[in-house]
Amino acid sequence: MNEIDIRKTKITLETTYHDRGPPLAMPLRVGCAMAVVHNPFANRYEPDLMPFQGRLRSVGERLAHELLEVMGGPDNVQAYGKGAIAGEDGEIEHAAAWHEAGGWAMRAALGAPRAIVPAAKTIGGAGTRLMVPLGHIHASYVRSHLYTAEMTLWDGPRRDELLFGLFMASGGRPYARLGGLAADQISQHDGQR
């Protein structure tokens, strides 16, 4: 039980050239790296999930580096998020093990940005669609970078599996114009403002 059993990984890249407005000067790129893994706690209660969470760091590191390569490096990432789906024989706490493992790995790969990594988790079967919140990597109050991305895998998670995902985006919403703190106004560098 020391190794994480990865059945498959998947990386997606969505590119938006416009959103029914003028062409974007720089297309918005949103990438997602996913891994579907065996859930060693399916159908049973495990009181100590901390060792499992620690072992998941290797999955987080792998996904973060593969996704960063697709995004073209840290300089091309302004927003991030993470998601997890436990198969039907798992529990929500099994999905929650991804909080530290996935978030830590992504922050390390990006040079330790301070903003919280937004997250979503649920329980579902193969093909479950999870909408994952995204936020600016340096300041959670940058309103233009608050939006969502979709995580789904057609054949996972199966009942005894977990699906973990990391997201990176090259910018905020196309044509964001509803006020709030702008990315170029980040001043406190405290992960909030």
N, C-alpha and C. Protein backbone atom coordinates (compact mmCIF):
# COMPACT_ATOMS: atom_id res chain seq x y z
N MET A 1 0.82 -1.20 0.00
CA MET A 1 0.00 0.00 0.00
C MET A 1 0.86 1.26 0.00
N ASN A 2 2.16 1.12 -0.25
CA ASN A 2 3.02 2.29 -0.27
C ASN A 2 2.95 3.03 -1.60
N GLU A 3 2.65 2.33 -2.67
CA GLU A 3 2.58 2.94 -3.98
C GLU A 3 1.15 3.34 -4.31
N ILE A 4 1.01 4.43 -5.04
CA ILE A 4 -0.30 4.85 -5.54
C ILE A 4 -0.50 4.16 -6.88
N ASP A 5 -1.60 3.45 -7.02
CA ASP A 5 -1.91 2.70 -8.24
C ASP A 5 -2.66 3.62 -9.20
N ILE A 6 -1.95 4.17 -10.19
CA ILE A 6 -2.55 5.06 -11.20
C ILE A 6 -3.00 4.21 -12.37
N ARG A 7 -4.29 4.26 -12.67
CA ARG A 7 -4.81 3.53 -13.84
C ARG A 7 -4.56 4.30 -15.12
N LYS A 8 -4.79 5.60 -15.09
CA LYS A 8 -4.55 6.41 -16.28
C LYS A 8 -4.44 7.87 -15.90
N THR A 9 -3.86 8.64 -16.79
CA THR A 9 -3.82 10.10 -16.66
C THR A 9 -4.38 10.71 -17.93
N LYS A 10 -4.77 11.96 -17.81
CA LYS A 10 -5.31 12.68 -18.96
C LYS A 10 -4.98 14.15 -18.79
N ILE A 11 -4.56 14.78 -19.87
CA ILE A 11 -4.32 16.22 -19.86
C ILE A 11 -5.17 16.84 -20.96
N THR A 12 -5.89 17.90 -20.60
CA THR A 12 -6.69 18.62 -21.58
C THR A 12 -6.21 20.07 -21.62
N LEU A 13 -6.38 20.70 -22.76
CA LEU A 13 -6.05 22.11 -22.92
C LEU A 13 -7.16 22.76 -23.74
N GLU A 14 -7.82 23.72 -23.12
CA GLU A 14 -8.89 24.47 -23.78
C GLU A 14 -8.36 25.85 -24.13
N THR A 15 -8.56 26.29 -25.37
CA THR A 15 -8.10 27.60 -25.81
C THR A 15 -9.31 28.41 -26.28
N THR A 16 -9.50 29.58 -25.68
CA THR A 16 -10.60 30.48 -26.04
C THR A 16 -10.03 31.66 -26.81
N TYR A 17 -10.51 31.86 -28.04
CA TYR A 17 -10.04 32.95 -28.89
C TYR A 17 -10.92 34.19 -28.76
N HIS A 18 -12.18 33.98 -28.46
CA HIS A 18 -13.11 35.07 -28.17
C HIS A 18 -14.31 34.48 -27.47
N ASP A 19 -15.10 35.31 -26.82
CA ASP A 19 -16.31 34.85 -26.16
C ASP A 19 -17.48 35.72 -26.62
N ARG A 20 -17.64 35.73 -27.95
CA ARG A 20 -18.67 36.52 -28.62
C ARG A 20 -18.43 38.02 -28.55
N GLY A 21 -17.18 38.37 -28.28
CA GLY A 21 -16.74 39.76 -28.30
C GLY A 21 -15.58 39.86 -29.27
N PRO A 22 -14.78 40.92 -29.17
CA PRO A 22 -13.63 41.04 -30.06
C PRO A 22 -12.60 39.95 -29.79
N PRO A 23 -11.80 39.61 -30.79
CA PRO A 23 -10.76 38.60 -30.58
C PRO A 23 -9.85 39.01 -29.41
N LEU A 24 -9.49 38.05 -28.58
CA LEU A 24 -8.61 38.33 -27.45
C LEU A 24 -7.19 38.57 -27.95
N ALA A 25 -6.52 39.54 -27.37
CA ALA A 25 -5.13 39.81 -27.75
C ALA A 25 -4.28 38.57 -27.50
N MET A 26 -4.52 37.90 -26.38
CA MET A 26 -3.86 36.64 -26.06
C MET A 26 -4.95 35.63 -25.76
N PRO A 27 -5.09 34.57 -26.54
CA PRO A 27 -6.11 33.56 -26.25
C PRO A 27 -5.97 33.04 -24.82
N LEU A 28 -7.09 32.75 -24.19
CA LEU A 28 -7.10 32.21 -22.84
C LEU A 28 -6.92 30.70 -22.92
N ARG A 29 -5.93 30.20 -22.20
CA ARG A 29 -5.64 28.77 -22.18
C ARG A 29 -5.92 28.24 -20.78
N VAL A 30 -6.73 27.17 -20.70
CA VAL A 30 -7.03 26.51 -19.42
C VAL A 30 -6.67 25.05 -19.57
N GLY A 31 -5.73 24.60 -18.75
CA GLY A 31 -5.28 23.22 -18.80
C GLY A 31 -5.71 22.45 -17.57
N CYS A 32 -5.95 21.16 -17.76
CA CYS A 32 -6.30 20.27 -16.65
C CYS A 32 -5.51 18.99 -16.79
N ALA A 33 -4.86 18.59 -15.70
CA ALA A 33 -4.17 17.29 -15.64
C ALA A 33 -4.88 16.43 -14.61
N MET A 34 -5.26 15.22 -15.00
CA MET A 34 -6.02 14.33 -14.13
C MET A 34 -5.33 12.98 -14.00
N ALA A 35 -5.57 12.35 -12.85
CA ALA A 35 -5.11 10.97 -12.63
C ALA A 35 -6.24 10.21 -11.96
N VAL A 36 -6.53 9.03 -12.46
CA VAL A 36 -7.51 8.17 -11.81
C VAL A 36 -6.72 7.06 -11.11
N VAL A 37 -6.95 6.95 -9.81
CA VAL A 37 -6.16 6.03 -8.99
C VAL A 37 -7.07 5.08 -8.22
N HIS A 38 -6.52 3.94 -7.85
CA HIS A 38 -7.25 2.98 -7.02
C HIS A 38 -7.44 3.57 -5.62
N ASN A 39 -8.64 3.42 -5.08
CA ASN A 39 -8.93 3.88 -3.72
C ASN A 39 -8.73 2.69 -2.77
N PRO A 40 -7.64 2.69 -1.99
CA PRO A 40 -7.39 1.55 -1.12
C PRO A 40 -8.37 1.46 0.05
N PHE A 41 -9.21 2.47 0.23
CA PHE A 41 -10.16 2.49 1.34
C PHE A 41 -11.60 2.31 0.89
N ALA A 42 -11.80 1.93 -0.36
CA ALA A 42 -13.16 1.73 -0.85
C ALA A 42 -13.87 0.68 0.00
N ASN A 43 -15.10 0.99 0.37
CA ASN A 43 -15.96 0.09 1.14
C ASN A 43 -15.48 -0.20 2.56
N ARG A 44 -14.62 0.65 3.10
CA ARG A 44 -14.22 0.46 4.49
C ARG A 44 -13.80 1.79 5.09
N TYR A 45 -13.91 1.87 6.38
CA TYR A 45 -13.52 3.08 7.10
C TYR A 45 -12.06 2.97 7.53
N GLU A 46 -11.28 3.98 7.20
CA GLU A 46 -9.87 4.04 7.62
C GLU A 46 -9.71 5.27 8.51
N PRO A 47 -9.37 5.09 9.78
CA PRO A 47 -9.29 6.24 10.68
C PRO A 47 -8.11 7.18 10.40
N ASP A 48 -7.03 6.68 9.80
CA ASP A 48 -5.85 7.52 9.60
C ASP A 48 -5.55 7.64 8.10
N LEU A 49 -5.95 8.76 7.52
CA LEU A 49 -5.73 9.00 6.10
C LEU A 49 -4.45 9.80 5.82
N MET A 50 -3.76 10.23 6.86
CA MET A 50 -2.58 11.07 6.67
C MET A 50 -1.46 10.40 5.86
N PRO A 51 -1.15 9.12 6.08
CA PRO A 51 -0.12 8.50 5.24
C PRO A 51 -0.51 8.47 3.76
N PHE A 52 -1.79 8.22 3.47
CA PHE A 52 -2.27 8.23 2.09
C PHE A 52 -2.11 9.62 1.49
N GLN A 53 -2.49 10.63 2.24
CA GLN A 53 -2.34 12.00 1.76
C GLN A 53 -0.88 12.29 1.43
N GLY A 54 0.03 11.83 2.26
CA GLY A 54 1.45 12.03 2.00
C GLY A 54 1.92 11.34 0.73
N ARG A 55 1.43 10.13 0.51
CA ARG A 55 1.82 9.39 -0.70
C ARG A 55 1.25 10.04 -1.96
N LEU A 56 0.12 10.72 -1.83
CA LEU A 56 -0.48 11.38 -2.99
C LEU A 56 0.37 12.54 -3.51
N ARG A 57 1.32 13.00 -2.71
CA ARG A 57 2.19 14.09 -3.18
C ARG A 57 2.90 13.71 -4.47
N SER A 58 3.25 12.43 -4.62
CA SER A 58 3.94 12.01 -5.86
C SER A 58 3.02 12.18 -7.07
N VAL A 59 1.73 11.93 -6.89
CA VAL A 59 0.76 12.13 -7.98
C VAL A 59 0.63 13.62 -8.27
N GLY A 60 0.56 14.43 -7.22
CA GLY A 60 0.47 15.87 -7.40
C GLY A 60 1.67 16.44 -8.14
N GLU A 61 2.86 15.99 -7.76
CA GLU A 61 4.07 16.46 -8.43
C GLU A 61 4.05 16.10 -9.91
N ARG A 62 3.68 14.87 -10.19
CA ARG A 62 3.65 14.42 -11.59
C ARG A 62 2.67 15.26 -12.40
N LEU A 63 1.45 15.41 -11.90
CA LEU A 63 0.44 16.17 -12.64
C LEU A 63 0.83 17.63 -12.79
N ALA A 64 1.36 18.23 -11.72
CA ALA A 64 1.74 19.65 -11.78
C ALA A 64 2.81 19.88 -12.83
N HIS A 65 3.81 19.02 -12.89
CA HIS A 65 4.89 19.21 -13.86
C HIS A 65 4.43 18.94 -15.29
N GLU A 66 3.59 17.92 -15.47
CA GLU A 66 3.07 17.65 -16.81
C GLU A 66 2.18 18.80 -17.29
N LEU A 67 1.36 19.33 -16.39
CA LEU A 67 0.48 20.43 -16.76
C LEU A 67 1.28 21.70 -17.04
N LEU A 68 2.27 21.97 -16.24
CA LEU A 68 3.11 23.15 -16.44
C LEU A 68 3.82 23.10 -17.78
N GLU A 69 4.21 21.91 -18.20
CA GLU A 69 4.85 21.76 -19.51
C GLU A 69 3.87 22.12 -20.62
N VAL A 70 2.63 21.66 -20.50
CA VAL A 70 1.60 21.98 -21.51
C VAL A 70 1.31 23.48 -21.53
N MET A 71 1.34 24.11 -20.35
CA MET A 71 1.05 25.54 -20.26
C MET A 71 2.23 26.41 -20.72
N GLY A 72 3.41 25.82 -20.88
CA GLY A 72 4.55 26.58 -21.35
C GLY A 72 5.36 27.25 -20.26
N GLY A 73 5.22 26.76 -19.02
CA GLY A 73 6.02 27.28 -17.92
C GLY A 73 5.26 28.20 -16.99
N PRO A 74 5.84 28.48 -15.82
CA PRO A 74 5.16 29.27 -14.78
C PRO A 74 4.76 30.68 -15.20
N ASP A 75 5.54 31.28 -16.11
CA ASP A 75 5.22 32.64 -16.54
C ASP A 75 3.91 32.72 -17.31
N ASN A 76 3.38 31.58 -17.76
CA ASN A 76 2.13 31.55 -18.52
C ASN A 76 0.94 31.15 -17.67
N VAL A 77 1.09 31.17 -16.34
CA VAL A 77 0.00 30.75 -15.45
C VAL A 77 -0.37 31.89 -14.52
N GLN A 78 -1.65 32.29 -14.56
CA GLN A 78 -2.16 33.34 -13.69
C GLN A 78 -3.25 32.84 -12.73
N ALA A 79 -3.85 31.70 -13.03
CA ALA A 79 -4.95 31.18 -12.19
C ALA A 79 -4.78 29.68 -12.03
N TYR A 80 -5.37 29.17 -10.93
CA TYR A 80 -5.29 27.73 -10.69
C TYR A 80 -6.46 27.24 -9.85
N GLY A 81 -6.59 25.92 -9.78
CA GLY A 81 -7.63 25.27 -8.98
C GLY A 81 -7.36 23.77 -8.95
N LYS A 82 -8.13 23.07 -8.13
CA LYS A 82 -7.96 21.62 -8.04
C LYS A 82 -9.31 20.97 -7.75
N GLY A 83 -9.46 19.71 -8.16
CA GLY A 83 -10.71 19.01 -7.94
C GLY A 83 -10.47 17.53 -7.68
N ALA A 84 -11.45 16.90 -7.03
CA ALA A 84 -11.35 15.47 -6.73
C ALA A 84 -12.74 14.85 -6.72
N ILE A 85 -12.83 13.65 -7.27
CA ILE A 85 -14.08 12.89 -7.27
C ILE A 85 -13.79 11.51 -6.70
N ALA A 86 -14.50 11.15 -5.64
CA ALA A 86 -14.40 9.81 -5.09
C ALA A 86 -15.45 8.93 -5.77
N GLY A 87 -15.05 7.73 -6.18
CA GLY A 87 -16.02 6.79 -6.72
C GLY A 87 -17.04 6.40 -5.66
N GLU A 88 -18.09 5.76 -6.07
CA GLU A 88 -19.25 5.52 -5.21
C GLU A 88 -18.96 4.67 -3.97
N ASP A 89 -17.89 3.89 -3.99
CA ASP A 89 -17.55 3.10 -2.81
C ASP A 89 -16.56 3.82 -1.88
N GLY A 90 -16.28 5.08 -2.20
CA GLY A 90 -15.40 5.88 -1.37
C GLY A 90 -16.20 6.88 -0.56
N GLU A 91 -15.48 7.73 0.16
CA GLU A 91 -16.13 8.78 0.93
C GLU A 91 -15.50 10.12 0.59
N ILE A 92 -16.18 11.19 0.92
CA ILE A 92 -15.73 12.52 0.56
C ILE A 92 -14.36 12.83 1.16
N GLU A 93 -14.05 12.25 2.32
CA GLU A 93 -12.76 12.50 2.95
C GLU A 93 -11.61 11.90 2.14
N HIS A 94 -11.89 10.85 1.39
CA HIS A 94 -10.86 10.29 0.51
C HIS A 94 -10.53 11.30 -0.59
N ALA A 95 -11.54 11.96 -1.13
CA ALA A 95 -11.30 13.01 -2.13
C ALA A 95 -10.59 14.20 -1.51
N ALA A 96 -10.91 14.51 -0.25
CA ALA A 96 -10.30 15.65 0.43
C ALA A 96 -8.80 15.47 0.66
N ALA A 97 -8.29 14.26 0.58
CA ALA A 97 -6.85 14.03 0.73
C ALA A 97 -6.06 14.77 -0.35
N TRP A 98 -6.75 15.17 -1.41
CA TRP A 98 -6.10 15.88 -2.52
C TRP A 98 -5.79 17.34 -2.18
N HIS A 99 -6.48 17.90 -1.17
CA HIS A 99 -6.26 19.31 -0.83
C HIS A 99 -4.78 19.61 -0.65
N GLU A 100 -4.16 18.94 0.27
CA GLU A 100 -2.75 19.22 0.56
C GLU A 100 -1.85 18.68 -0.54
N ALA A 101 -2.09 17.46 -0.96
CA ALA A 101 -1.20 16.82 -1.94
C ALA A 101 -1.20 17.55 -3.28
N GLY A 102 -2.36 17.88 -3.79
CA GLY A 102 -2.44 18.58 -5.07
C GLY A 102 -2.05 20.04 -4.98
N GLY A 103 -2.56 20.71 -3.94
CA GLY A 103 -2.26 22.13 -3.78
C GLY A 103 -0.78 22.38 -3.52
N TRP A 104 -0.18 21.58 -2.66
CA TRP A 104 1.25 21.72 -2.36
C TRP A 104 2.08 21.54 -3.62
N ALA A 105 1.78 20.51 -4.39
CA ALA A 105 2.57 20.21 -5.59
C ALA A 105 2.46 21.33 -6.61
N MET A 106 1.27 21.87 -6.80
CA MET A 106 1.09 22.92 -7.79
C MET A 106 1.81 24.19 -7.35
N ARG A 107 1.68 24.54 -6.07
CA ARG A 107 2.38 25.73 -5.57
C ARG A 107 3.90 25.57 -5.73
N ALA A 108 4.43 24.41 -5.41
CA ALA A 108 5.87 24.18 -5.54
C ALA A 108 6.31 24.34 -6.99
N ALA A 109 5.55 23.80 -7.93
CA ALA A 109 5.90 23.88 -9.34
C ALA A 109 5.83 25.31 -9.87
N LEU A 110 4.95 26.12 -9.27
CA LEU A 110 4.76 27.51 -9.74
C LEU A 110 5.62 28.52 -8.98
N GLY A 111 6.46 28.07 -8.07
CA GLY A 111 7.30 29.01 -7.35
C GLY A 111 6.68 29.55 -6.08
N ALA A 112 5.79 28.81 -5.47
CA ALA A 112 5.18 29.12 -4.17
C ALA A 112 4.31 30.38 -4.15
N PRO A 113 3.33 30.48 -5.07
CA PRO A 113 2.38 31.60 -4.95
C PRO A 113 1.59 31.48 -3.65
N ARG A 114 1.09 32.60 -3.13
CA ARG A 114 0.51 32.61 -1.79
C ARG A 114 -1.01 32.42 -1.75
N ALA A 115 -1.71 32.66 -2.83
CA ALA A 115 -3.17 32.60 -2.79
C ALA A 115 -3.65 31.17 -2.60
N ILE A 116 -4.77 31.04 -1.92
CA ILE A 116 -5.39 29.74 -1.73
C ILE A 116 -5.68 29.10 -3.09
N VAL A 117 -5.54 27.79 -3.16
CA VAL A 117 -5.89 27.06 -4.38
C VAL A 117 -7.35 26.66 -4.25
N PRO A 118 -8.25 27.29 -5.02
CA PRO A 118 -9.67 26.94 -4.92
C PRO A 118 -9.87 25.46 -5.24
N ALA A 119 -10.89 24.85 -4.62
CA ALA A 119 -11.08 23.41 -4.78
C ALA A 119 -12.55 23.03 -4.77
N ALA A 120 -12.82 21.89 -5.39
CA ALA A 120 -14.15 21.27 -5.35
C ALA A 120 -13.94 19.77 -5.24
N LYS A 121 -14.88 19.12 -4.57
CA LYS A 121 -14.82 17.66 -4.46
C LYS A 121 -16.24 17.12 -4.36
N THR A 122 -16.39 15.87 -4.79
CA THR A 122 -17.71 15.24 -4.74
C THR A 122 -17.53 13.73 -4.80
N ILE A 123 -18.66 13.04 -4.72
CA ILE A 123 -18.70 11.59 -4.93
C ILE A 123 -19.53 11.36 -6.19
N GLY A 124 -19.05 10.48 -7.07
CA GLY A 124 -19.79 10.22 -8.30
C GLY A 124 -19.20 9.06 -9.06
N GLY A 125 -19.86 8.68 -10.12
CA GLY A 125 -19.43 7.57 -10.94
C GLY A 125 -18.69 8.02 -12.18
N ALA A 126 -18.39 7.06 -13.04
CA ALA A 126 -17.68 7.34 -14.28
C ALA A 126 -18.40 8.41 -15.07
N GLY A 127 -17.65 9.37 -15.57
CA GLY A 127 -18.22 10.45 -16.37
C GLY A 127 -18.78 11.61 -15.58
N THR A 128 -18.67 11.58 -14.26
CA THR A 128 -19.15 12.70 -13.45
C THR A 128 -18.44 13.98 -13.89
N ARG A 129 -19.21 15.05 -14.04
CA ARG A 129 -18.64 16.36 -14.39
C ARG A 129 -18.55 17.19 -13.12
N LEU A 130 -17.35 17.67 -12.83
CA LEU A 130 -17.14 18.50 -11.65
C LEU A 130 -16.69 19.88 -12.12
N MET A 131 -17.43 20.90 -11.70
CA MET A 131 -17.03 22.28 -12.01
C MET A 131 -16.11 22.74 -10.89
N VAL A 132 -14.89 23.11 -11.26
CA VAL A 132 -13.84 23.45 -10.31
C VAL A 132 -13.60 24.96 -10.35
N PRO A 133 -13.63 25.62 -9.19
CA PRO A 133 -13.38 27.06 -9.16
C PRO A 133 -11.90 27.36 -9.40
N LEU A 134 -11.65 28.45 -10.09
CA LEU A 134 -10.29 28.93 -10.32
C LEU A 134 -10.13 30.29 -9.65
N GLY A 135 -8.91 30.63 -9.32
CA GLY A 135 -8.61 31.93 -8.74
C GLY A 135 -7.18 32.33 -9.07
N HIS A 136 -6.89 33.61 -8.93
CA HIS A 136 -5.55 34.14 -9.22
C HIS A 136 -4.53 33.48 -8.30
N ILE A 137 -3.34 33.21 -8.82
CA ILE A 137 -2.33 32.49 -8.04
C ILE A 137 -1.70 33.33 -6.94
N HIS A 138 -1.74 34.64 -7.06
CA HIS A 138 -1.07 35.49 -6.07
C HIS A 138 -2.01 36.22 -5.12
N ALA A 139 -3.27 36.40 -5.50
CA ALA A 139 -4.19 37.15 -4.65
C ALA A 139 -5.62 36.68 -4.88
N SER A 140 -6.23 36.17 -3.83
CA SER A 140 -7.57 35.59 -3.94
C SER A 140 -8.65 36.61 -4.29
N TYR A 141 -8.39 37.90 -4.03
CA TYR A 141 -9.40 38.92 -4.28
C TYR A 141 -9.39 39.49 -5.69
N VAL A 142 -8.58 38.95 -6.58
CA VAL A 142 -8.57 39.40 -7.97
C VAL A 142 -9.82 38.84 -8.64
N ARG A 143 -10.83 39.68 -8.74
CA ARG A 143 -12.16 39.25 -9.17
C ARG A 143 -12.18 38.72 -10.60
N SER A 144 -11.36 39.27 -11.48
CA SER A 144 -11.36 38.87 -12.89
C SER A 144 -10.96 37.41 -13.10
N HIS A 145 -10.28 36.84 -12.12
CA HIS A 145 -9.77 35.48 -12.26
C HIS A 145 -10.63 34.45 -11.52
N LEU A 146 -11.78 34.86 -11.03
CA LEU A 146 -12.71 33.95 -10.37
C LEU A 146 -13.67 33.39 -11.41
N TYR A 147 -13.46 32.15 -11.79
CA TYR A 147 -14.36 31.47 -12.72
C TYR A 147 -14.20 29.99 -12.54
N THR A 148 -14.74 29.17 -13.44
CA THR A 148 -14.71 27.72 -13.26
C THR A 148 -14.18 27.01 -14.51
N ALA A 149 -13.74 25.79 -14.30
CA ALA A 149 -13.33 24.91 -15.38
C ALA A 149 -13.89 23.53 -15.08
N GLU A 150 -14.02 22.73 -16.11
CA GLU A 150 -14.66 21.42 -15.97
C GLU A 150 -13.65 20.28 -15.91
N MET A 151 -13.93 19.34 -15.01
CA MET A 151 -13.12 18.13 -14.89
C MET A 151 -14.04 16.93 -15.12
N THR A 152 -13.67 16.08 -16.08
CA THR A 152 -14.45 14.87 -16.34
C THR A 152 -13.58 13.84 -17.04
N LEU A 153 -13.88 12.59 -16.79
CA LEU A 153 -13.19 11.48 -17.44
C LEU A 153 -14.26 10.44 -17.78
N TRP A 154 -14.34 10.04 -19.03
CA TRP A 154 -15.46 9.22 -19.49
C TRP A 154 -15.57 7.89 -18.75
N ASP A 155 -14.44 7.29 -18.32
CA ASP A 155 -14.51 5.97 -17.70
C ASP A 155 -14.00 5.97 -16.25
N GLY A 156 -14.10 7.09 -15.61
CA GLY A 156 -13.65 7.15 -14.22
C GLY A 156 -14.27 8.34 -13.50
N PRO A 157 -14.31 8.26 -12.20
CA PRO A 157 -13.78 7.17 -11.40
C PRO A 157 -14.76 6.00 -11.33
N ARG A 158 -14.22 4.81 -11.34
CA ARG A 158 -15.05 3.63 -11.09
C ARG A 158 -15.31 3.56 -9.59
N ARG A 159 -16.14 2.64 -9.17
CA ARG A 159 -16.61 2.61 -7.78
C ARG A 159 -15.47 2.62 -6.76
N ASP A 160 -14.37 1.93 -7.08
CA ASP A 160 -13.25 1.81 -6.14
C ASP A 160 -12.07 2.69 -6.54
N GLU A 161 -12.36 3.82 -7.18
CA GLU A 161 -11.30 4.71 -7.64
C GLU A 161 -11.51 6.14 -7.14
N LEU A 162 -10.47 6.93 -7.33
CA LEU A 162 -10.49 8.37 -7.06
C LEU A 162 -9.97 9.07 -8.30
N LEU A 163 -10.57 10.19 -8.64
CA LEU A 163 -10.11 11.00 -9.77
C LEU A 163 -9.63 12.33 -9.21
N PHE A 164 -8.35 12.64 -9.44
CA PHE A 164 -7.75 13.87 -8.95
C PHE A 164 -7.37 14.76 -10.12
N GLY A 165 -7.59 16.06 -10.00
CA GLY A 165 -7.25 16.98 -11.08
C GLY A 165 -6.64 18.27 -10.60
N LEU A 166 -5.74 18.81 -11.42
CA LEU A 166 -5.14 20.13 -11.21
C LEU A 166 -5.43 20.99 -12.42
N PHE A 167 -5.66 22.28 -12.18
CA PHE A 167 -5.96 23.23 -13.25
C PHE A 167 -4.99 24.39 -13.21
N MET A 168 -4.62 24.87 -14.39
CA MET A 168 -3.86 26.11 -14.53
C MET A 168 -4.46 26.87 -15.71
N ALA A 169 -4.50 28.20 -15.58
CA ALA A 169 -5.04 29.05 -16.64
C ALA A 169 -4.10 30.21 -16.90
N SER A 170 -4.08 30.66 -18.14
CA SER A 170 -3.16 31.73 -18.54
C SER A 170 -3.68 33.12 -18.20
N GLY A 171 -4.92 33.23 -17.77
CA GLY A 171 -5.47 34.54 -17.44
C GLY A 171 -6.83 34.42 -16.78
N GLY A 172 -7.51 35.54 -16.72
CA GLY A 172 -8.84 35.59 -16.13
C GLY A 172 -9.92 35.45 -17.18
N ARG A 173 -11.14 35.77 -16.78
CA ARG A 173 -12.26 35.68 -17.71
C ARG A 173 -12.06 36.62 -18.91
N PRO A 174 -12.46 36.18 -20.09
CA PRO A 174 -12.38 37.10 -21.23
C PRO A 174 -13.26 38.33 -20.97
N TYR A 175 -12.73 39.49 -21.25
CA TYR A 175 -13.47 40.76 -21.14
C TYR A 175 -13.92 41.09 -19.72
N ALA A 176 -13.22 40.62 -18.69
CA ALA A 176 -13.63 40.93 -17.32
C ALA A 176 -13.73 42.45 -17.17
N ARG A 177 -14.89 42.90 -16.71
CA ARG A 177 -15.12 44.35 -16.62
C ARG A 177 -16.12 44.69 -15.51
N LEU A 178 -16.08 43.92 -14.42
CA LEU A 178 -17.03 44.13 -13.33
C LEU A 178 -16.34 44.62 -12.06
N GLY A 179 -15.21 45.28 -12.21
CA GLY A 179 -14.55 45.92 -11.08
C GLY A 179 -13.80 44.96 -10.19
N GLY A 180 -13.50 45.44 -8.99
CA GLY A 180 -12.72 44.65 -8.04
C GLY A 180 -11.23 44.85 -8.24
N LEU A 181 -10.44 44.18 -7.42
CA LEU A 181 -9.00 44.26 -7.50
C LEU A 181 -8.52 43.69 -8.83
N ALA A 182 -7.71 44.45 -9.54
CA ALA A 182 -7.15 43.99 -10.81
C ALA A 182 -5.80 43.31 -10.53
N ALA A 183 -5.40 42.41 -11.41
CA ALA A 183 -4.14 41.68 -11.22
C ALA A 183 -2.95 42.63 -11.11
N ASP A 184 -2.97 43.72 -11.85
CA ASP A 184 -1.84 44.66 -11.79
C ASP A 184 -1.89 45.58 -10.57
N GLN A 185 -2.90 45.39 -9.71
CA GLN A 185 -3.02 46.18 -8.49
C GLN A 185 -2.67 45.37 -7.23
N ILE A 186 -2.20 44.15 -7.38
CA ILE A 186 -1.81 43.34 -6.23
C ILE A 186 -0.67 44.07 -5.52
N SER A 187 -0.84 44.31 -4.22
CA SER A 187 0.18 45.10 -3.52
C SER A 187 0.63 44.48 -2.20
N GLN A 188 -0.23 43.74 -1.52
CA GLN A 188 0.12 43.26 -0.18
C GLN A 188 0.87 41.93 -0.22
N HIS A 189 0.71 41.17 -1.30
CA HIS A 189 1.39 39.89 -1.47
C HIS A 189 1.21 38.98 -0.26
N ASP A 190 -0.02 38.97 0.26
CA ASP A 190 -0.36 38.13 1.41
C ASP A 190 -1.27 36.97 1.01
N GLY A 191 -1.44 36.78 -0.30
CA GLY A 191 -2.31 35.73 -0.79
C GLY A 191 -3.76 36.17 -0.90
N GLN A 192 -4.05 37.36 -0.43
CA GLN A 192 -5.42 37.89 -0.50
C GLN A 192 -5.50 39.11 -1.40
N ARG A 193 -4.69 40.11 -1.13
CA ARG A 193 -4.72 41.36 -1.90
C ARG A 193 -3.36 41.66 -2.48
